[in-house]
Amino acid sequence: MTGHRVSILALDGVLSFELGMPLTILQSLGDLYSVSVVTPTEAGVTTDSGLRLSSAGSLTELATADTVIVPAYAFERGIPEDVAEALRTCHERSKRVVSLCVGAFALAQSGLLTGRRATTHWIQTERLAREHPDITVDRDVLFVDEGTVLTAAGTSAGIDLCLHLVRKDFGAATANQAARNTVAAPHRDGGQAQFIEHHLPDAVGTSLADTRTWALKHLAEPLLLRDLADHAHLSERTFIRRFIAETGLPPMKWLQLARIDHAKQLLERSDATIDTIARLSGLGTAANFRTHFTQHCGLPPSAYRNMYSGGGDRPASPEQPTSRGR
């Protein structure tokens, strides 16, 4: 059985890292994705590192792809009209078209971003907005999902978007597996502002990893900011500052996302009731859980379970959390 077909369009000057990124992430999932690399001509392209890519497929392969990904390239040179036409054709056929970093300029030149929100590397957001005033450029996000057109911000944000694609296609459990396969964070929030002037954590010995691990083991409990700070043996103000420095998120926002992610996995992997999942994920009553889950995921828990549980053998009840202790 052929997996979801993905064509990576390598344009001249393609960044080697961004070419390899979706290949590594998607191919780590075995047969779920069928991934190929396409170049505009049979002559191939030269990467940013000087490597010659000459054995890739041709533009005609884009017509059979379910998803087309355009990594960053030497965007100042523009793209040939036949490339722009091929991208437009893919979009017109309801294919999913994705850009990584400055790959957004290829989508913009093709007209795919007209009237849409989009993002690109923060250094080039002003240029994208200036050259394409018909695009609403979001300067402070990791990626933008406009349905069949998705754009990622700079470099590492492409990892976030690739994992987002996996999450949309096959659910949170599979996306988390892809993240583990590639040693990446399964989900990050926050915008590009955290990368523009990011302050590293303080000296060795100040890492809050132990506190985050402890919190993940006690999601079913009503954790407060002071509980997290007490576990780290810090004042609340110092704890917040260091936590944001390490994760890019305020502690309680991170905790809320962790609860949602745990709920997703319970919905996918168990037959536990909504009330039980609400309790085990620490999201309160079933009504409160439905509200927060729907706001974050765009669909209610029951619909998410129907879409991503995938059937098969699942435990009747998830393992109960350990008792709270420090």
Protein backbone atom coordinates (compact mmCIF):
# COMPACT_ATOMS: atom_id res chain seq x y z
CA MET A 1 0.00 0.00 0.00
CA THR A 2 1.45 3.35 -1.07
CA GLY A 3 1.79 5.90 1.72
CA HIS A 4 0.93 9.59 1.61
CA ARG A 5 2.91 10.85 -1.38
CA VAL A 6 5.24 13.78 -0.71
CA SER A 7 7.37 15.55 -3.31
CA ILE A 8 10.12 17.86 -2.07
CA LEU A 9 10.79 20.52 -4.70
CA ALA A 10 14.51 21.37 -4.59
CA LEU A 11 15.12 24.71 -6.27
CA ASP A 12 18.55 26.11 -7.16
CA GLY A 13 20.54 26.98 -4.05
CA VAL A 14 18.35 24.77 -1.86
CA LEU A 15 19.55 24.62 1.74
CA SER A 16 20.92 21.15 2.40
CA PHE A 17 19.61 21.14 5.96
CA GLU A 18 16.07 22.01 4.91
CA LEU A 19 16.14 19.51 2.06
CA GLY A 20 17.14 16.75 4.44
CA MET A 21 14.79 17.78 7.25
CA PRO A 22 11.46 16.60 5.78
CA LEU A 23 13.18 13.56 4.28
CA THR A 24 14.48 12.53 7.70
CA ILE A 25 11.26 13.20 9.62
CA LEU A 26 8.82 11.65 7.16
CA GLN A 27 10.95 8.68 6.16
CA SER A 28 11.48 7.80 9.82
CA LEU A 29 7.84 6.67 9.82
CA GLY A 30 8.38 3.83 7.37
CA ASP A 31 5.60 3.25 4.85
CA LEU A 32 3.28 6.00 6.10
CA TYR A 33 4.91 8.42 3.65
CA SER A 34 6.35 7.91 0.20
CA VAL A 35 8.87 10.74 -0.27
CA SER A 36 10.69 11.84 -3.41
CA VAL A 37 12.87 14.80 -4.39
CA VAL A 38 12.05 16.79 -7.52
CA THR A 39 14.17 19.38 -9.38
CA PRO A 40 12.94 21.84 -12.04
CA THR A 41 15.04 20.28 -14.80
CA GLU A 42 16.91 17.03 -15.47
CA ALA A 43 20.15 18.99 -15.08
CA GLY A 44 19.42 19.21 -11.35
CA VAL A 45 20.40 21.98 -8.93
CA THR A 46 23.31 23.00 -6.73
CA THR A 47 22.71 23.18 -2.99
CA ASP A 48 23.87 26.01 -0.75
CA SER A 49 26.79 23.85 0.34
CA GLY A 50 27.94 23.31 -3.25
CA LEU A 51 26.66 19.75 -3.63
CA ARG A 52 25.19 18.90 -7.01
CA LEU A 53 21.75 17.27 -6.93
CA SER A 54 21.34 15.69 -10.35
CA SER A 55 19.44 12.42 -9.97
CA ALA A 56 16.11 13.72 -8.66
CA GLY A 57 12.73 13.41 -10.38
CA SER A 58 11.18 16.00 -12.67
CA LEU A 59 8.38 18.54 -12.27
CA THR A 60 5.87 16.11 -13.76
CA GLU A 61 6.03 14.10 -10.53
CA LEU A 62 4.36 16.95 -8.65
CA ALA A 63 1.08 16.06 -10.32
CA THR A 64 0.93 12.75 -8.45
CA ALA A 65 1.93 14.10 -5.04
CA ASP A 66 -0.49 14.57 -2.14
CA THR A 67 1.83 17.14 -0.57
CA VAL A 68 4.51 19.34 -2.14
CA ILE A 69 7.18 20.84 0.12
CA VAL A 70 9.39 23.75 -0.99
CA PRO A 71 12.47 24.15 1.26
CA ALA A 72 14.52 27.34 1.47
CA TYR A 73 16.53 28.18 -1.67
CA ALA A 74 18.33 31.10 -3.30
CA PHE A 75 15.07 33.04 -3.44
CA GLU A 76 16.68 36.25 -4.73
CA ARG A 77 16.92 34.58 -8.16
CA GLY A 78 13.18 34.01 -8.41
CA ILE A 79 11.69 30.85 -9.92
CA PRO A 80 11.06 29.84 -13.55
CA GLU A 81 7.51 30.22 -14.83
CA ASP A 82 7.11 26.48 -15.34
CA VAL A 83 7.83 25.96 -11.63
CA ALA A 84 5.26 28.59 -10.68
CA GLU A 85 2.72 26.98 -13.01
CA ALA A 86 3.41 23.53 -11.55
CA LEU A 87 2.81 24.85 -8.03
CA ARG A 88 -0.41 26.58 -9.11
CA THR A 89 -1.62 23.37 -10.75
CA CYS A 90 -0.95 21.39 -7.59
CA HIS A 91 -2.94 23.86 -5.54
CA GLU A 92 -5.81 23.93 -8.03
CA ARG A 93 -6.03 20.15 -7.72
CA SER A 94 -6.43 20.53 -3.94
CA LYS A 95 -2.95 19.27 -3.24
CA ARG A 96 -1.26 20.48 -0.07
CA VAL A 97 1.58 22.93 -0.75
CA VAL A 98 4.08 23.68 2.02
CA SER A 99 7.04 26.06 2.27
CA LEU A 100 9.93 26.01 4.70
CA CYS A 101 11.71 29.25 5.63
CA VAL A 102 12.23 31.44 2.52
CA GLY A 103 10.58 28.79 0.39
CA ALA A 104 7.57 31.06 0.99
CA PHE A 105 8.89 33.35 -1.76
CA ALA A 106 8.29 30.59 -4.33
CA LEU A 107 4.70 30.22 -3.16
CA ALA A 108 4.28 34.00 -3.19
CA GLN A 109 5.65 34.31 -6.74
CA SER A 110 3.26 31.55 -7.82
CA GLY A 111 0.29 33.47 -6.37
CA LEU A 112 -0.55 30.80 -3.80
CA LEU A 113 -0.25 33.19 -0.87
CA THR A 114 -2.41 35.97 -2.30
CA GLY A 115 -5.03 36.98 0.24
CA ARG A 116 -3.62 34.57 2.82
CA ARG A 117 -1.66 34.69 6.04
CA ALA A 118 1.89 33.43 5.71
CA THR A 119 5.26 33.54 7.41
CA THR A 120 8.93 33.12 6.56
CA HIS A 121 12.29 33.58 8.28
CA TRP A 122 12.06 36.62 10.53
CA ILE A 123 14.94 38.33 8.72
CA GLN A 124 12.95 38.26 5.48
CA THR A 125 9.42 39.00 6.74
CA GLU A 126 9.68 42.71 5.90
CA ARG A 127 10.88 41.90 2.40
CA LEU A 128 8.07 39.41 1.82
CA ALA A 129 5.51 41.97 2.99
CA ARG A 130 7.05 44.71 0.87
CA GLU A 131 7.30 42.67 -2.33
CA HIS A 132 3.90 41.02 -1.88
CA PRO A 133 1.53 43.49 -0.17
CA ASP A 134 -1.41 41.18 -0.93
CA ILE A 135 -0.09 38.72 1.67
CA THR A 136 -0.74 39.12 5.40
CA VAL A 137 2.73 38.36 6.75
CA ASP A 138 2.70 37.05 10.33
CA ARG A 139 6.08 37.90 11.81
CA ASP A 140 5.66 36.19 15.17
CA VAL A 141 4.66 32.57 14.60
CA LEU A 142 6.51 29.31 13.98
CA PHE A 143 4.21 28.37 11.11
CA VAL A 144 0.89 29.26 9.51
CA ASP A 145 -1.67 26.61 8.52
CA GLU A 146 -4.11 27.90 5.92
CA GLY A 147 -5.51 24.48 5.09
CA THR A 148 -4.00 23.46 1.76
CA VAL A 149 -1.24 26.08 1.97
CA LEU A 150 1.17 26.06 4.92
CA THR A 151 4.28 28.17 5.56
CA ALA A 152 7.01 27.78 8.18
CA ALA A 153 9.30 30.39 9.69
CA GLY A 154 13.08 30.10 9.81
CA THR A 155 15.01 26.83 9.70
CA SER A 156 14.11 24.92 12.89
CA ALA A 157 10.47 26.00 12.57
CA GLY A 158 10.40 23.69 9.56
CA ILE A 159 10.73 20.79 11.99
CA ASP A 160 7.68 22.08 13.85
CA LEU A 161 5.70 22.29 10.63
CA CYS A 162 6.75 18.81 9.45
CA LEU A 163 5.64 17.36 12.78
CA HIS A 164 2.41 19.35 12.47
CA LEU A 165 1.79 17.71 9.09
CA VAL A 166 2.31 14.27 10.62
CA ARG A 167 -0.02 15.20 13.47
CA LYS A 168 -2.71 16.26 11.00
CA ASP A 169 -2.28 13.15 8.87
CA PHE A 170 -1.89 10.44 11.50
CA GLY A 171 -2.45 11.93 14.96
CA ALA A 172 -0.42 13.04 17.96
CA ALA A 173 0.98 9.60 18.83
CA THR A 174 2.57 9.22 15.39
CA ALA A 175 3.87 12.80 15.47
CA ASN A 176 5.41 12.13 18.86
CA GLN A 177 7.03 8.99 17.46
CA ALA A 178 8.48 11.03 14.58
CA ALA A 179 9.79 13.54 17.12
CA ARG A 180 11.44 10.77 19.12
CA ASN A 181 12.90 9.25 15.96
CA THR A 182 14.58 12.54 15.08
CA VAL A 183 15.27 13.71 18.66
CA ALA A 184 13.04 16.77 18.28
CA ALA A 185 10.48 18.43 20.53
CA PRO A 186 7.04 17.04 19.62
CA HIS A 187 5.37 20.42 19.99
CA ARG A 188 6.56 23.97 20.54
CA ASP A 189 4.48 27.07 20.89
CA GLY A 190 5.42 30.72 20.83
CA GLY A 191 6.57 32.88 17.97
CA GLN A 192 9.75 33.86 16.18
CA ALA A 193 10.36 36.61 18.73
CA GLN A 194 11.93 33.99 20.98
CA PHE A 195 14.64 33.45 18.36
CA ILE A 196 15.36 37.05 17.44
CA GLU A 197 17.01 37.79 20.77
CA HIS A 198 16.96 34.61 22.78
CA HIS A 199 18.73 34.54 26.13
CA LEU A 200 20.22 31.17 27.01
CA PRO A 201 19.55 29.56 30.41
CA ASP A 202 21.92 30.42 33.22
CA ALA A 203 25.00 28.39 34.10
CA VAL A 204 25.11 24.60 34.52
CA GLY A 205 22.98 23.42 37.41
CA THR A 206 20.01 25.72 36.76
CA SER A 207 18.17 23.47 34.29
CA LEU A 208 14.50 22.98 35.09
CA ALA A 209 14.27 19.68 33.21
CA ASP A 210 13.71 17.75 36.45
CA THR A 211 10.80 19.99 37.37
CA ARG A 212 9.23 19.60 33.94
CA THR A 213 9.60 15.82 34.18
CA TRP A 214 8.03 15.90 37.64
CA ALA A 215 5.13 18.00 36.38
CA LEU A 216 4.45 15.57 33.52
CA LYS A 217 4.11 12.77 36.06
CA HIS A 218 1.54 14.76 38.06
CA LEU A 219 -0.70 16.22 35.35
CA ALA A 220 -3.79 14.81 37.07
CA GLU A 221 -3.18 17.08 40.04
CA PRO A 222 -4.08 20.78 40.36
CA LEU A 223 -0.54 22.10 39.95
CA LEU A 224 -0.05 25.78 40.66
CA LEU A 225 2.85 28.05 39.76
CA ARG A 226 4.06 27.94 43.37
CA ASP A 227 4.12 24.12 43.24
CA LEU A 228 6.44 24.19 40.24
CA ALA A 229 8.63 26.89 41.74
CA ASP A 230 8.81 25.05 45.07
CA HIS A 231 9.90 21.86 43.32
CA ALA A 232 12.69 23.81 41.60
CA HIS A 233 13.59 25.53 44.92
CA LEU A 234 13.22 28.96 43.31
CA SER A 235 11.11 32.04 43.86
CA GLU A 236 8.17 32.30 41.49
CA ARG A 237 9.67 35.29 39.69
CA THR A 238 13.03 33.59 39.13
CA PHE A 239 11.31 30.36 38.13
CA ILE A 240 9.20 32.10 35.47
CA ARG A 241 12.24 33.88 34.04
CA ARG A 242 14.33 30.72 33.81
CA PHE A 243 11.45 28.62 32.52
CA ILE A 244 10.77 31.00 29.65
CA ALA A 245 14.50 31.14 28.87
CA GLU A 246 14.61 27.34 28.56
CA THR A 247 11.30 26.63 26.80
CA GLY A 248 10.14 29.89 25.23
CA LEU A 249 6.85 29.55 27.12
CA PRO A 250 5.45 30.75 30.46
CA PRO A 251 5.20 27.82 32.90
CA MET A 252 1.40 27.61 33.05
CA LYS A 253 1.07 27.85 29.26
CA TRP A 254 3.57 24.99 28.92
CA LEU A 255 1.61 23.00 31.52
CA GLN A 256 -1.66 23.57 29.67
CA LEU A 257 -0.14 22.32 26.41
CA ALA A 258 1.27 19.29 28.22
CA ARG A 259 -2.20 18.50 29.55
CA ILE A 260 -3.71 18.78 26.07
CA ASP A 261 -1.00 16.56 24.59
CA HIS A 262 -1.57 13.93 27.30
CA ALA A 263 -5.30 14.06 26.61
CA LYS A 264 -4.65 13.51 22.89
CA GLN A 265 -2.64 10.39 23.63
CA LEU A 266 -5.33 9.05 25.96
CA LEU A 267 -7.98 9.68 23.30
CA GLU A 268 -5.90 7.85 20.71
CA ARG A 269 -4.64 4.95 22.81
CA SER A 270 -7.35 4.12 25.35
CA ASP A 271 -11.08 3.63 25.70
CA ALA A 272 -11.22 5.84 28.78
CA THR A 273 -14.30 8.03 29.10
CA ILE A 274 -14.16 11.77 28.55
CA ASP A 275 -14.64 12.29 32.30
CA THR A 276 -11.67 10.03 33.06
CA ILE A 277 -9.44 11.71 30.48
CA ALA A 278 -10.42 15.15 31.80
CA ARG A 279 -9.39 14.03 35.29
CA LEU A 280 -6.16 12.28 34.29
CA SER A 281 -5.00 15.20 32.15
CA GLY A 282 -5.81 17.71 34.88
CA LEU A 283 -8.25 19.68 32.77
CA GLY A 284 -11.05 19.60 35.33
CA THR A 285 -14.61 18.69 34.49
CA ALA A 286 -15.63 17.09 31.22
CA ALA A 287 -17.21 20.38 30.13
CA ASN A 288 -14.06 22.34 30.92
CA PHE A 289 -11.95 19.72 29.13
CA ARG A 290 -14.13 19.91 26.00
CA THR A 291 -13.87 23.70 25.97
CA HIS A 292 -10.07 23.84 26.28
CA PHE A 293 -9.48 20.92 23.93
CA THR A 294 -11.73 22.36 21.22
CA GLN A 295 -10.15 25.80 21.50
CA HIS A 296 -6.67 24.32 21.09
CA CYS A 297 -7.31 21.57 18.53
CA GLY A 298 -10.18 22.98 16.51
CA LEU A 299 -12.42 19.97 17.12
CA PRO A 300 -14.03 18.37 20.21
CA PRO A 301 -12.45 15.37 21.97
CA SER A 302 -14.97 12.87 20.58
CA ALA A 303 -14.31 13.98 17.01
CA TYR A 304 -10.56 13.82 17.61
CA ARG A 305 -10.87 10.27 18.93
CA ASN A 306 -12.93 9.21 15.92
CA MET A 307 -10.38 10.72 13.56
CA TYR A 308 -7.16 9.52 15.16
CA SER A 309 -7.80 6.52 17.38
CA GLY A 310 -7.32 4.19 14.41
CA GLY A 311 -9.08 1.23 16.03
CA GLY A 312 -7.15 -1.87 17.05
CA ASP A 313 -6.29 -3.06 20.54
CA ARG A 314 -6.28 -0.33 23.14
CA PRO A 315 -6.11 -0.56 26.92
CA ALA A 316 -9.47 -0.26 28.63
CA SER A 317 -8.11 2.21 31.15
CA PRO A 318 -4.86 4.22 31.19
CA GLU A 319 -2.35 3.81 33.96
CA GLN A 320 -3.16 5.89 36.98
CA PRO A 321 -0.70 8.71 37.76
CA THR A 322 1.71 8.34 40.64
CA SER A 323 1.13 10.06 43.93
CA ARG A 324 2.34 13.61 44.22
CA GLY A 325 5.73 13.91 45.78
CA ARG A 326 8.92 15.83 45.56
